[in-house]
Protein backbone atom coordinates (compact mmCIF):
# COMPACT_ATOMS: atom_id res chain seq x y z
CA UNK A 1 61.08 142.62 79.17
CA UNK A 2 59.48 140.89 75.64
CA UNK A 3 56.18 143.80 74.16
CA UNK A 4 52.90 143.00 75.54
CA UNK A 5 51.58 146.09 73.02
CA UNK A 6 50.42 143.14 71.06
CA UNK A 7 47.99 145.62 69.48
CA UNK A 8 50.31 147.26 67.35
CA UNK A 9 53.74 145.50 66.98
CA UNK A 10 54.14 141.72 66.77
CA UNK A 11 55.27 140.11 70.27
CA UNK A 12 58.37 138.04 70.38
CA UNK A 13 57.98 133.89 69.96
CA UNK A 14 57.75 132.40 72.94
CA UNK A 15 61.30 130.78 72.52
CA UNK A 16 62.59 134.48 72.03
CA UNK A 17 60.38 136.03 75.05
CA UNK A 18 62.26 133.18 77.06
CA UNK A 19 65.78 134.39 76.23
CA UNK A 20 65.01 137.96 76.41
CA UNK A 21 63.16 137.32 80.35
CA UNK A 22 66.35 135.08 81.13
CA UNK A 23 68.98 137.84 79.85
CA UNK A 24 66.96 140.27 81.97
CA UNK A 25 67.07 137.83 84.98
CA UNK A 26 71.26 137.70 84.80
CA UNK A 27 71.26 141.19 83.76
CA UNK A 28 69.28 141.90 87.34
CA UNK A 29 71.42 139.50 88.90
CA UNK A 30 74.07 141.16 87.71
CA UNK A 31 73.45 144.71 89.35
CA UNK A 32 72.15 142.91 92.42
CA UNK A 33 75.73 141.61 93.06
CA UNK A 34 77.15 145.02 92.31
CA UNK A 35 74.97 147.56 94.70
CA UNK A 36 75.52 144.38 97.37
CA UNK A 37 79.57 144.81 97.14
CA UNK A 38 79.28 148.79 96.66
CA UNK A 39 80.40 148.42 92.98
CA UNK A 40 78.87 151.99 91.65
CA UNK A 41 78.34 151.92 88.38
CA UNK A 42 76.44 153.18 85.48
CA UNK A 43 73.80 151.13 83.65
CA UNK A 44 73.17 152.90 79.94
CA UNK A 45 69.50 153.10 78.50
CA UNK A 46 69.14 150.81 75.03
CA UNK A 47 67.13 153.69 72.75
CA UNK A 48 64.73 151.14 70.68
CA UNK A 49 67.05 150.95 67.16
CA UNK A 50 64.23 152.54 64.73
CA UNK A 51 64.53 155.60 67.41
CA UNK A 52 67.02 158.13 67.61
CA UNK A 53 67.14 159.77 71.57
CA UNK A 54 64.27 162.33 70.61
CA UNK A 55 62.55 159.96 68.77
CA UNK A 56 62.28 158.45 71.32
CA UNK A 57 61.07 160.74 73.97
CA UNK A 58 58.87 162.74 71.72
CA UNK A 59 57.12 159.53 71.27
CA UNK A 60 57.04 158.76 74.90
CA UNK A 61 55.57 161.49 75.74
CA UNK A 62 53.27 161.87 73.02
CA UNK A 63 52.00 158.62 74.64
CA UNK A 64 52.61 159.91 78.67
CA UNK A 65 50.21 163.18 78.33
CA UNK A 66 47.70 162.18 75.44
CA UNK A 67 47.76 158.45 74.25
CA UNK A 68 47.31 156.66 77.99
CA UNK A 69 44.97 158.75 79.31
CA UNK A 70 42.26 158.12 76.23
CA UNK A 71 43.57 155.01 74.58
CA UNK A 72 40.90 153.09 77.02
CA UNK A 73 38.43 154.68 74.69
CA UNK A 74 39.36 152.68 71.66
CA UNK A 75 39.32 149.20 73.02
CA UNK A 76 36.59 147.13 71.00
CA UNK A 77 36.16 143.34 71.02
CA UNK A 78 34.77 142.07 67.53
CA UNK A 79 32.56 139.13 66.52
CA UNK A 80 34.34 136.50 67.93
CA UNK A 81 33.84 137.37 71.56
CA UNK A 82 31.70 134.97 73.52
CA UNK A 83 31.31 137.17 76.67
CA UNK A 84 33.33 134.45 79.12
CA UNK A 85 34.45 137.63 80.88
CA UNK A 86 38.10 136.82 81.77
CA UNK A 87 39.11 140.21 80.25
CA UNK A 88 37.25 141.82 83.80
CA UNK A 89 38.21 139.26 85.65
CA UNK A 90 42.15 139.94 85.48
CA UNK A 91 42.46 143.16 84.87
CA UNK A 92 44.28 144.11 87.74
CA UNK A 93 42.69 147.57 88.38
CA UNK A 94 39.18 146.43 87.76
CA UNK A 95 39.07 148.88 84.37
CA UNK A 96 36.94 146.33 82.75
CA UNK A 97 33.05 146.02 83.27
CA UNK A 98 30.59 144.36 81.42
CA UNK A 99 27.97 146.34 80.04
CA UNK A 100 25.24 144.87 77.94
CA UNK A 101 26.49 141.64 77.50
CA UNK A 102 29.84 143.77 76.27
CA UNK A 103 32.99 144.31 77.98
CA UNK A 104 33.53 148.06 78.43
CA UNK A 105 37.04 149.68 79.28
CA UNK A 106 37.16 152.79 81.61
CA UNK A 107 39.27 155.32 82.25
CA UNK A 108 41.05 154.10 84.58
CA UNK A 109 42.75 151.83 82.18
CA UNK A 110 46.47 151.39 82.04
CA UNK A 111 47.04 149.71 79.04
CA UNK A 112 48.76 147.15 80.72
CA UNK A 113 47.46 144.69 77.71
CA UNK A 114 46.78 141.88 80.10
CA UNK A 115 43.08 141.64 78.73
CA UNK A 116 44.28 141.78 74.95
CA UNK A 117 47.22 138.73 75.55
CA UNK A 118 44.85 136.59 77.74
CA UNK A 119 41.97 136.38 75.44
CA UNK A 120 40.68 132.85 74.49
CA UNK A 121 39.51 134.33 71.37
CA UNK A 122 41.86 137.09 70.32
CA UNK A 123 38.99 139.17 69.75
CA UNK A 124 39.91 142.02 72.13
CA UNK A 125 41.79 144.82 69.63
CA UNK A 126 42.13 148.87 69.65
CA UNK A 127 40.00 150.89 67.07
CA UNK A 128 42.68 151.86 64.28
CA UNK A 129 44.89 149.30 64.97
CA UNK A 130 43.23 146.19 63.61
CA UNK A 131 42.40 142.56 64.50
CA UNK A 132 45.64 140.86 66.98
CA UNK A 133 44.61 137.41 65.35
CA UNK A 134 47.75 135.20 64.21
CA UNK A 135 50.25 137.68 65.77
CA UNK A 136 52.24 136.19 68.91
CA UNK A 137 50.82 137.26 72.16
CA UNK A 138 52.84 137.82 75.33
CA UNK A 139 51.85 135.77 79.11
CA UNK A 140 53.57 136.90 81.87
CA UNK A 141 54.59 132.97 82.52
CA UNK A 142 54.04 133.31 86.24
CA UNK A 143 50.88 135.07 86.21
CA UNK A 144 47.64 132.77 86.68
CA UNK A 145 44.67 134.00 84.60
CA UNK A 146 41.54 131.52 86.16
CA UNK A 147 42.28 132.72 89.27
CA UNK A 148 39.23 134.78 90.19
CA UNK A 149 39.53 138.11 92.23
CA UNK A 150 37.47 138.20 95.49
CA UNK A 151 34.67 139.87 95.45
CA UNK A 152 34.95 143.03 97.25
CA UNK A 153 31.65 143.73 100.10
């Protein structure tokens, strides 16, 4: 999957993302065929080239136990936010509320980065990571961001 973590890294270009997704679909089809045929095989995990196995797991556990439970506190908007409220409308778990005419993230935020990547002004960022302006962003091609969730009764 192409990276959606726009706040701290630059996602691949649209062309690179399509290639990554196409390769993933082809791999999934091959693995599915193997499973249906009863072929037992081991599919290895590819560690990011910049990390060793130990470095990867260190970062993973630090993020899992320290980061994911606190990073919601760092979401901010810059002065280009014009309160379109798209971020709160597309949050899959309703973790963004509009308070005092600003988006506010709740502790239920899972850092899916949908709000960051779909913000029409690229106004959302995480404190400490800086602006995402002029970075590549990743959209899930089949996601329709303007579909408004049904109102809860």
